[in-house]
Amino acid sequence: TVILYEAPHKLQKTLEDILQIIGDVSVCVVRELTKIH
């Protein structure tokens, strides 16, 4: 398992890089953990 942190304005680029370089692997993206949103 690999864990990364990412800022909102870079999320799409990072996911695209993952798709292109690593492949269409299973992923879980967690946003604003323990907060209202």
All heavy atoms as atom14 arrays in JSON, in Angstrom:
{
  "sequence": "TVILYEAPHKLQKTLEDILQIIGDVSVCVVRELTKIH",
  "atom14_mask": [
    [1, 1, 1, 1, 1, 1, 1, 0, 0, 0, 0, 0, 0, 0],
    [1, 1, 1, 1, 1, 1, 1, 0, 0, 0, 0, 0, 0, 0],
    [1, 1, 1, 1, 1, 1, 1, 1, 0, 0, 0, 0, 0, 0],
    [1, 1, 1, 1, 1, 1, 1, 1, 0, 0, 0, 0, 0, 0],
    [1, 1, 1, 1, 1, 1, 1, 1, 1, 1, 1, 1, 0, 0],
    [1, 1, 1, 1, 1, 1, 1, 1, 1, 0, 0, 0, 0, 0],
    [1, 1, 1, 1, 1, 0, 0, 0, 0, 0, 0, 0, 0, 0],
    [1, 1, 1, 1, 1, 1, 1, 0, 0, 0, 0, 0, 0, 0],
    [1, 1, 1, 1, 1, 1, 1, 1, 1, 1, 0, 0, 0, 0],
    [1, 1, 1, 1, 1, 1, 1, 1, 1, 0, 0, 0, 0, 0],
    [1, 1, 1, 1, 1, 1, 1, 1, 0, 0, 0, 0, 0, 0],
    [1, 1, 1, 1, 1, 1, 1, 1, 1, 0, 0, 0, 0, 0],
    [1, 1, 1, 1, 1, 1, 1, 1, 1, 0, 0, 0, 0, 0],
    [1, 1, 1, 1, 1, 1, 1, 0, 0, 0, 0, 0, 0, 0],
    [1, 1, 1, 1, 1, 1, 1, 1, 0, 0, 0, 0, 0, 0],
    [1, 1, 1, 1, 1, 1, 1, 1, 1, 0, 0, 0, 0, 0],
    [1, 1, 1, 1, 1, 1, 1, 1, 0, 0, 0, 0, 0, 0],
    [1, 1, 1, 1, 1, 1, 1, 1, 0, 0, 0, 0, 0, 0],
    [1, 1, 1, 1, 1, 1, 1, 1, 0, 0, 0, 0, 0, 0],
    [1, 1, 1, 1, 1, 1, 1, 1, 1, 0, 0, 0, 0, 0],
    [1, 1, 1, 1, 1, 1, 1, 1, 0, 0, 0, 0, 0, 0],
    [1, 1, 1, 1, 1, 1, 1, 1, 0, 0, 0, 0, 0, 0],
    [1, 1, 1, 1, 0, 0, 0, 0, 0, 0, 0, 0, 0, 0],
    [1, 1, 1, 1, 1, 1, 1, 1, 0, 0, 0, 0, 0, 0],
    [1, 1, 1, 1, 1, 1, 1, 0, 0, 0, 0, 0, 0, 0],
    [1, 1, 1, 1, 1, 1, 0, 0, 0, 0, 0, 0, 0, 0],
    [1, 1, 1, 1, 1, 1, 1, 0, 0, 0, 0, 0, 0, 0],
    [1, 1, 1, 1, 1, 1, 0, 0, 0, 0, 0, 0, 0, 0],
    [1, 1, 1, 1, 1, 1, 1, 0, 0, 0, 0, 0, 0, 0],
    [1, 1, 1, 1, 1, 1, 1, 0, 0, 0, 0, 0, 0, 0],
    [1, 1, 1, 1, 1, 1, 1, 1, 1, 1, 1, 0, 0, 0],
    [1, 1, 1, 1, 1, 1, 1, 1, 1, 0, 0, 0, 0, 0],
    [1, 1, 1, 1, 1, 1, 1, 1, 0, 0, 0, 0, 0, 0],
    [1, 1, 1, 1, 1, 1, 1, 0, 0, 0, 0, 0, 0, 0],
    [1, 1, 1, 1, 1, 1, 1, 1, 1, 0, 0, 0, 0, 0],
    [1, 1, 1, 1, 1, 1, 1, 1, 0, 0, 0, 0, 0, 0],
    [1, 1, 1, 1, 1, 1, 1, 1, 1, 1, 0, 0, 0, 0]
  ],
  "atom14_positions": [
    [[0.85, -1.19, 0.0], [0.0, 0.0, 0.0], [0.88, 1.24, 0.0], [1.87, 1.31, 0.72], [-0.92, -0.01, 1.24], [-1.7, -1.21, 1.22], [-1.83, 1.2, 1.28], [0.0, 0.0, 0.0], [0.0, 0.0, 0.0], [0.0, 0.0, 0.0], [0.0, 0.0, 0.0], [0.0, 0.0, 0.0], [0.0, 0.0, 0.0], [0.0, 0.0, 0.0]],
    [[0.51, 2.23, -0.81], [1.25, 3.49, -0.89], [0.31, 4.63, -0.52], [-0.83, 4.69, -1.0], [1.84, 3.71, -2.3], [2.38, 5.13, -2.46], [2.94, 2.7, -2.58], [0.0, 0.0, 0.0], [0.0, 0.0, 0.0], [0.0, 0.0, 0.0], [0.0, 0.0, 0.0], [0.0, 0.0, 0.0], [0.0, 0.0, 0.0], [0.0, 0.0, 0.0]],
    [[0.79, 5.53, 0.33], [-0.02, 6.65, 0.81], [0.65, 7.96, 0.42], [1.85, 8.14, 0.65], [-0.22, 6.58, 2.33], [-0.84, 5.23, 2.71], [-1.1, 7.74, 2.81], [-0.85, 4.93, 4.19], [0.0, 0.0, 0.0], [0.0, 0.0, 0.0], [0.0, 0.0, 0.0], [0.0, 0.0, 0.0], [0.0, 0.0, 0.0], [0.0, 0.0, 0.0]],
    [[-0.14, 8.85, -0.15], [0.32, 10.18, -0.57], [-0.58, 11.24, 0.02], [-1.76, 10.99, 0.25], [0.26, 10.32, -2.1], [0.92, 9.25, -2.96], [0.52, 9.43, -4.41], [2.42, 9.33, -2.8], [0.0, 0.0, 0.0], [0.0, 0.0, 0.0], [0.0, 0.0, 0.0], [0.0, 0.0, 0.0], [0.0, 0.0, 0.0], [0.0, 0.0, 0.0]],
    [[-0.05, 12.41, 0.23], [-0.86, 13.59, 0.56], [-0.94, 14.44, -0.7], [0.0, 14.45, -1.5], [-0.2, 14.42, 1.66], [-0.32, 13.87, 3.07], [0.48, 14.39, 4.08], [-1.22, 12.88, 3.41], [0.39, 13.93, 5.39], [-1.31, 12.41, 4.71], [-0.51, 12.94, 5.69], [-0.6, 12.48, 6.98], [0.0, 0.0, 0.0], [0.0, 0.0, 0.0]],
    [[-2.04, 15.16, -0.89], [-2.14, 16.04, -2.04], [-3.03, 17.24, -1.77], [-4.02, 17.14, -1.05], [-2.65, 15.28, -3.27], [-2.42, 16.03, -4.56], [-0.97, 16.47, -4.75], [-0.62, 17.58, -4.3], [-0.19, 15.7, -5.32], [0.0, 0.0, 0.0], [0.0, 0.0, 0.0], [0.0, 0.0, 0.0], [0.0, 0.0, 0.0], [0.0, 0.0, 0.0]],
    [[-2.64, 18.36, -2.36], [-3.42, 19.6, -2.27], [-4.5, 19.57, -3.35], [-4.33, 18.92, -4.39], [-2.49, 20.79, -2.47], [0.0, 0.0, 0.0], [0.0, 0.0, 0.0], [0.0, 0.0, 0.0], [0.0, 0.0, 0.0], [0.0, 0.0, 0.0], [0.0, 0.0, 0.0], [0.0, 0.0, 0.0], [0.0, 0.0, 0.0], [0.0, 0.0, 0.0]],
    [[-5.6, 20.3, -3.14], [-6.71, 20.23, -4.09], [-6.34, 20.66, -5.51], [-6.77, 20.03, -6.48], [-7.77, 21.15, -3.48], [-7.07, 21.96, -2.46], [-5.88, 21.19, -2.02], [0.0, 0.0, 0.0], [0.0, 0.0, 0.0], [0.0, 0.0, 0.0], [0.0, 0.0, 0.0], [0.0, 0.0, 0.0], [0.0, 0.0, 0.0], [0.0, 0.0, 0.0]],
    [[-5.53, 21.69, -5.65], [-5.21, 22.18, -6.99], [-4.25, 21.26, -7.75], [-4.04, 21.44, -8.95], [-4.65, 23.61, -6.92], [-3.39, 23.74, -6.15], [-3.36, 23.73, -4.77], [-2.1, 23.86, -6.55], [-2.11, 23.84, -4.36], [-1.32, 23.93, -5.42], [0.0, 0.0, 0.0], [0.0, 0.0, 0.0], [0.0, 0.0, 0.0], [0.0, 0.0, 0.0]],
    [[-3.7, 20.24, -7.09], [-2.79, 19.3, -7.74], [-3.38, 17.9, -7.86], [-2.77, 17.01, -8.44], [-1.48, 19.22, -6.97], [-0.7, 20.51, -6.94], [0.61, 20.28, -6.23], [1.05, 21.57, -5.58], [1.9, 21.34, -4.45], [0.0, 0.0, 0.0], [0.0, 0.0, 0.0], [0.0, 0.0, 0.0], [0.0, 0.0, 0.0], [0.0, 0.0, 0.0]],
    [[-4.56, 17.69, -7.29], [-5.13, 16.35, -7.23], [-5.34, 15.73, -8.62], [-4.94, 14.59, -8.85], [-6.46, 16.36, -6.47], [-7.12, 14.99, -6.31], [-6.26, 14.07, -5.44], [-8.51, 15.14, -5.7], [0.0, 0.0, 0.0], [0.0, 0.0, 0.0], [0.0, 0.0, 0.0], [0.0, 0.0, 0.0], [0.0, 0.0, 0.0], [0.0, 0.0, 0.0]],
    [[-5.94, 16.45, -9.54], [-6.19, 15.91, -10.88], [-4.9, 15.51, -11.58], [-4.81, 14.44, -12.18], [-6.97, 16.92, -11.73], [-8.46, 16.93, -11.48], [-9.12, 15.62, -11.89], [-8.81, 15.02, -12.91], [-10.06, 15.17, -11.07], [0.0, 0.0, 0.0], [0.0, 0.0, 0.0], [0.0, 0.0, 0.0], [0.0, 0.0, 0.0], [0.0, 0.0, 0.0]],
    [[-3.88, 16.34, -11.5], [-2.59, 16.06, -12.14], [-1.95, 14.82, -11.52], [-1.43, 13.95, -12.23], [-1.65, 17.27, -12.0], [-0.22, 17.03, -12.43], [-0.08, 16.88, -13.93], [1.37, 16.81, -14.33], [1.67, 15.7, -15.21], [0.0, 0.0, 0.0], [0.0, 0.0, 0.0], [0.0, 0.0, 0.0], [0.0, 0.0, 0.0], [0.0, 0.0, 0.0]],
    [[-2.02, 14.71, -10.21], [-1.43, 13.54, -9.54], [-2.17, 12.27, -9.92], [-1.55, 11.25, -10.21], [-1.42, 13.75, -8.02], [-0.56, 14.86, -7.73], [-0.93, 12.52, -7.28], [0.0, 0.0, 0.0], [0.0, 0.0, 0.0], [0.0, 0.0, 0.0], [0.0, 0.0, 0.0], [0.0, 0.0, 0.0], [0.0, 0.0, 0.0], [0.0, 0.0, 0.0]],
    [[-3.5, 12.31, -9.95], [-4.27, 11.13, -10.34], [-3.97, 10.76, -11.79], [-3.87, 9.57, -12.12], [-5.76, 11.36, -10.12], [-6.2, 11.43, -8.66], [-7.67, 11.83, -8.55], [-5.94, 10.13, -7.91], [0.0, 0.0, 0.0], [0.0, 0.0, 0.0], [0.0, 0.0, 0.0], [0.0, 0.0, 0.0], [0.0, 0.0, 0.0], [0.0, 0.0, 0.0]],
    [[-3.82, 11.75, -12.66], [-3.46, 11.49, -14.07], [-2.08, 10.84, -14.15], [-1.88, 9.88, -14.9], [-3.5, 12.78, -14.88], [-3.07, 12.61, -16.32], [-3.94, 11.66, -17.14], [-5.14, 11.49, -16.81], [-3.43, 11.09, -18.11], [0.0, 0.0, 0.0], [0.0, 0.0, 0.0], [0.0, 0.0, 0.0], [0.0, 0.0, 0.0], [0.0, 0.0, 0.0]],
    [[-1.11, 11.35, -13.38], [0.23, 10.76, -13.36], [0.17, 9.32, -12.88], [0.84, 8.44, -13.45], [1.16, 11.57, -12.45], [1.59, 12.89, -13.06], [1.38, 13.1, -14.27], [2.13, 13.73, -12.32], [0.0, 0.0, 0.0], [0.0, 0.0, 0.0], [0.0, 0.0, 0.0], [0.0, 0.0, 0.0], [0.0, 0.0, 0.0], [0.0, 0.0, 0.0]],
    [[-0.6, 9.06, -11.84], [-0.73, 7.69, -11.32], [-1.29, 6.78, -12.41], [-0.78, 5.68, -12.64], [-1.62, 7.66, -10.05], [-0.91, 8.35, -8.89], [-2.01, 6.23, -9.69], [-1.8, 8.66, -7.7], [0.0, 0.0, 0.0], [0.0, 0.0, 0.0], [0.0, 0.0, 0.0], [0.0, 0.0, 0.0], [0.0, 0.0, 0.0], [0.0, 0.0, 0.0]],
    [[-2.33, 7.24, -13.08], [-2.97, 6.46, -14.14], [-1.98, 6.15, -15.26], [-1.88, 5.01, -15.72], [-4.19, 7.23, -14.68], [-5.08, 6.5, -15.67], [-5.65, 5.23, -15.07], [-6.21, 7.43, -16.11], [0.0, 0.0, 0.0], [0.0, 0.0, 0.0], [0.0, 0.0, 0.0], [0.0, 0.0, 0.0], [0.0, 0.0, 0.0], [0.0, 0.0, 0.0]],
    [[-1.23, 7.16, -15.68], [-0.29, 6.99, -16.8], [0.94, 6.17, -16.42], [1.41, 5.37, -17.23], [0.16, 8.37, -17.32], [-0.93, 9.18, -17.94], [-1.62, 8.48, -19.1], [-0.98, 7.92, -19.97], [-2.95, 8.48, -19.08], [0.0, 0.0, 0.0], [0.0, 0.0, 0.0], [0.0, 0.0, 0.0], [0.0, 0.0, 0.0], [0.0, 0.0, 0.0]],
    [[1.46, 6.36, -15.22], [2.72, 5.73, -14.84], [2.51, 4.37, -14.16], [3.21, 3.41, -14.47], [3.54, 6.67, -13.92], [3.92, 7.94, -14.7], [4.79, 5.97, -13.39], [4.47, 9.05, -13.85], [0.0, 0.0, 0.0], [0.0, 0.0, 0.0], [0.0, 0.0, 0.0], [0.0, 0.0, 0.0], [0.0, 0.0, 0.0], [0.0, 0.0, 0.0]],
    [[1.55, 4.3, -13.25], [1.35, 3.07, -12.47], [0.25, 2.2, -13.07], [0.34, 1.0, -13.08], [1.05, 3.42, -11.0], [2.24, 4.18, -10.4], [0.73, 2.17, -10.19], [1.99, 4.77, -9.04], [0.0, 0.0, 0.0], [0.0, 0.0, 0.0], [0.0, 0.0, 0.0], [0.0, 0.0, 0.0], [0.0, 0.0, 0.0], [0.0, 0.0, 0.0]],
    [[-0.79, 2.84, -13.56], [-1.91, 2.11, -14.15], [-3.2, 2.4, -13.41], [-3.25, 3.18, -12.47], [0.0, 0.0, 0.0], [0.0, 0.0, 0.0], [0.0, 0.0, 0.0], [0.0, 0.0, 0.0], [0.0, 0.0, 0.0], [0.0, 0.0, 0.0], [0.0, 0.0, 0.0], [0.0, 0.0, 0.0], [0.0, 0.0, 0.0], [0.0, 0.0, 0.0]],
    [[-4.25, 1.74, -13.85], [-5.59, 1.96, -13.3], [-5.81, 1.06, -12.09], [-6.62, 0.15, -12.1], [-6.65, 1.71, -14.38], [-7.94, 2.43, -14.11], [-7.98, 3.28, -13.2], [-8.93, 2.14, -14.81], [0.0, 0.0, 0.0], [0.0, 0.0, 0.0], [0.0, 0.0, 0.0], [0.0, 0.0, 0.0], [0.0, 0.0, 0.0], [0.0, 0.0, 0.0]],
    [[-5.05, 1.33, -11.04], [-5.09, 0.52, -9.82], [-6.23, 0.97, -8.91], [-6.8, 2.05, -9.08], [-3.75, 0.62, -9.05], [-2.62, 0.03, -9.87], [-3.44, 2.05, -8.64], [0.0, 0.0, 0.0], [0.0, 0.0, 0.0], [0.0, 0.0, 0.0], [0.0, 0.0, 0.0], [0.0, 0.0, 0.0], [0.0, 0.0, 0.0], [0.0, 0.0, 0.0]],
    [[-6.56, 0.14, -7.95], [-7.57, 0.51, -6.95], [-7.01, 1.59, -6.06], [-5.83, 1.57, -5.7], [-7.97, -0.7, -6.11], [-8.62, -1.66, -6.91], [0.0, 0.0, 0.0], [0.0, 0.0, 0.0], [0.0, 0.0, 0.0], [0.0, 0.0, 0.0], [0.0, 0.0, 0.0], [0.0, 0.0, 0.0], [0.0, 0.0, 0.0], [0.0, 0.0, 0.0]],
    [[-7.88, 2.52, -5.69], [-7.45, 3.67, -4.9], [-8.58, 4.1, -3.97], [-9.75, 3.83, -4.25], [-7.03, 4.84, -5.84], [-8.2, 5.34, -6.65], [-6.37, 5.97, -5.1], [0.0, 0.0, 0.0], [0.0, 0.0, 0.0], [0.0, 0.0, 0.0], [0.0, 0.0, 0.0], [0.0, 0.0, 0.0], [0.0, 0.0, 0.0], [0.0, 0.0, 0.0]],
    [[-8.2, 4.73, -2.9], [-9.17, 5.4, -2.02], [-8.64, 6.82, -1.83], [-7.49, 7.01, -1.46], [-9.28, 4.69, -0.68], [-10.35, 5.56, 0.5], [0.0, 0.0, 0.0], [0.0, 0.0, 0.0], [0.0, 0.0, 0.0], [0.0, 0.0, 0.0], [0.0, 0.0, 0.0], [0.0, 0.0, 0.0], [0.0, 0.0, 0.0], [0.0, 0.0, 0.0]],
    [[-9.49, 7.79, -2.13], [-9.12, 9.18, -1.93], [-9.98, 9.7, -0.78], [-11.2, 9.61, -0.81], [-9.34, 10.02, -3.21], [-9.11, 11.49, -2.94], [-8.42, 9.54, -4.31], [0.0, 0.0, 0.0], [0.0, 0.0, 0.0], [0.0, 0.0, 0.0], [0.0, 0.0, 0.0], [0.0, 0.0, 0.0], [0.0, 0.0, 0.0], [0.0, 0.0, 0.0]],
    [[-9.32, 10.2, 0.25], [-10.02, 10.69, 1.44], [-9.82, 12.2, 1.52], [-8.71, 12.69, 1.39], [-9.47, 10.0, 2.71], [-10.21, 10.5, 3.95], [-9.59, 8.49, 2.6], [0.0, 0.0, 0.0], [0.0, 0.0, 0.0], [0.0, 0.0, 0.0], [0.0, 0.0, 0.0], [0.0, 0.0, 0.0], [0.0, 0.0, 0.0], [0.0, 0.0, 0.0]],
    [[-10.94, 12.89, 1.74], [-10.9, 14.35, 1.8], [-11.4, 14.83, 3.15], [-12.39, 14.32, 3.67], [-11.8, 14.92, 0.7], [-11.94, 16.41, 0.71], [-12.78, 16.87, -0.47], [-14.2, 16.74, -0.22], [-14.97, 17.72, 0.24], [-14.48, 18.9, 0.49], [-16.26, 17.52, 0.43], [0.0, 0.0, 0.0], [0.0, 0.0, 0.0], [0.0, 0.0, 0.0]],
    [[-10.68, 15.79, 3.71], [-11.13, 16.47, 4.93], [-11.52, 15.5, 6.04], [-12.57, 15.64, 6.67], [-12.31, 17.41, 4.61], [-11.95, 18.55, 3.69], [-11.0, 19.55, 4.33], [-11.4, 20.29, 5.21], [-9.82, 19.55, 3.92], [0.0, 0.0, 0.0], [0.0, 0.0, 0.0], [0.0, 0.0, 0.0], [0.0, 0.0, 0.0], [0.0, 0.0, 0.0]],
    [[-10.66, 14.54, 6.3], [-10.92, 13.52, 7.31], [-11.22, 14.15, 8.67], [-10.55, 15.09, 9.08], [-9.7, 12.6, 7.42], [-9.89, 11.32, 8.2], [-10.88, 10.42, 7.48], [-8.58, 10.61, 8.35], [0.0, 0.0, 0.0], [0.0, 0.0, 0.0], [0.0, 0.0, 0.0], [0.0, 0.0, 0.0], [0.0, 0.0, 0.0], [0.0, 0.0, 0.0]],
    [[-12.21, 13.65, 9.33], [-12.71, 14.06, 10.66], [-13.32, 15.46, 10.67], [-13.58, 16.0, 11.73], [-11.62, 13.98, 11.76], [-10.69, 15.05, 11.62], [-10.92, 12.63, 11.77], [0.0, 0.0, 0.0], [0.0, 0.0, 0.0], [0.0, 0.0, 0.0], [0.0, 0.0, 0.0], [0.0, 0.0, 0.0], [0.0, 0.0, 0.0], [0.0, 0.0, 0.0]],
    [[-13.59, 16.03, 9.51], [-14.21, 17.35, 9.45], [-15.61, 17.23, 8.88], [-16.01, 16.17, 8.39], [-13.35, 18.3, 8.6], [-11.97, 18.52, 9.2], [-11.12, 19.39, 8.31], [-9.71, 19.49, 8.9], [-8.76, 20.01, 7.95], [0.0, 0.0, 0.0], [0.0, 0.0, 0.0], [0.0, 0.0, 0.0], [0.0, 0.0, 0.0], [0.0, 0.0, 0.0]],
    [[-16.34, 18.3, 8.87], [-17.74, 18.28, 8.46], [-17.93, 17.83, 7.0], [-18.92, 17.2, 6.66], [-18.42, 19.65, 8.71], [-19.92, 19.52, 8.57], [-17.87, 20.71, 7.79], [-20.7, 20.71, 9.1], [0.0, 0.0, 0.0], [0.0, 0.0, 0.0], [0.0, 0.0, 0.0], [0.0, 0.0, 0.0], [0.0, 0.0, 0.0], [0.0, 0.0, 0.0]],
    [[-16.96, 18.13, 6.13], [-17.09, 17.76, 4.72], [-16.3, 16.51, 4.36], [-15.89, 16.32, 3.22], [-16.65, 18.94, 3.83], [-17.49, 20.15, 4.01], [-18.8, 20.2, 3.61], [-17.22, 21.34, 4.58], [-19.3, 21.39, 3.9], [-18.35, 22.1, 4.51], [0.0, 0.0, 0.0], [0.0, 0.0, 0.0], [0.0, 0.0, 0.0], [0.0, 0.0, 0.0]]
  ]
}
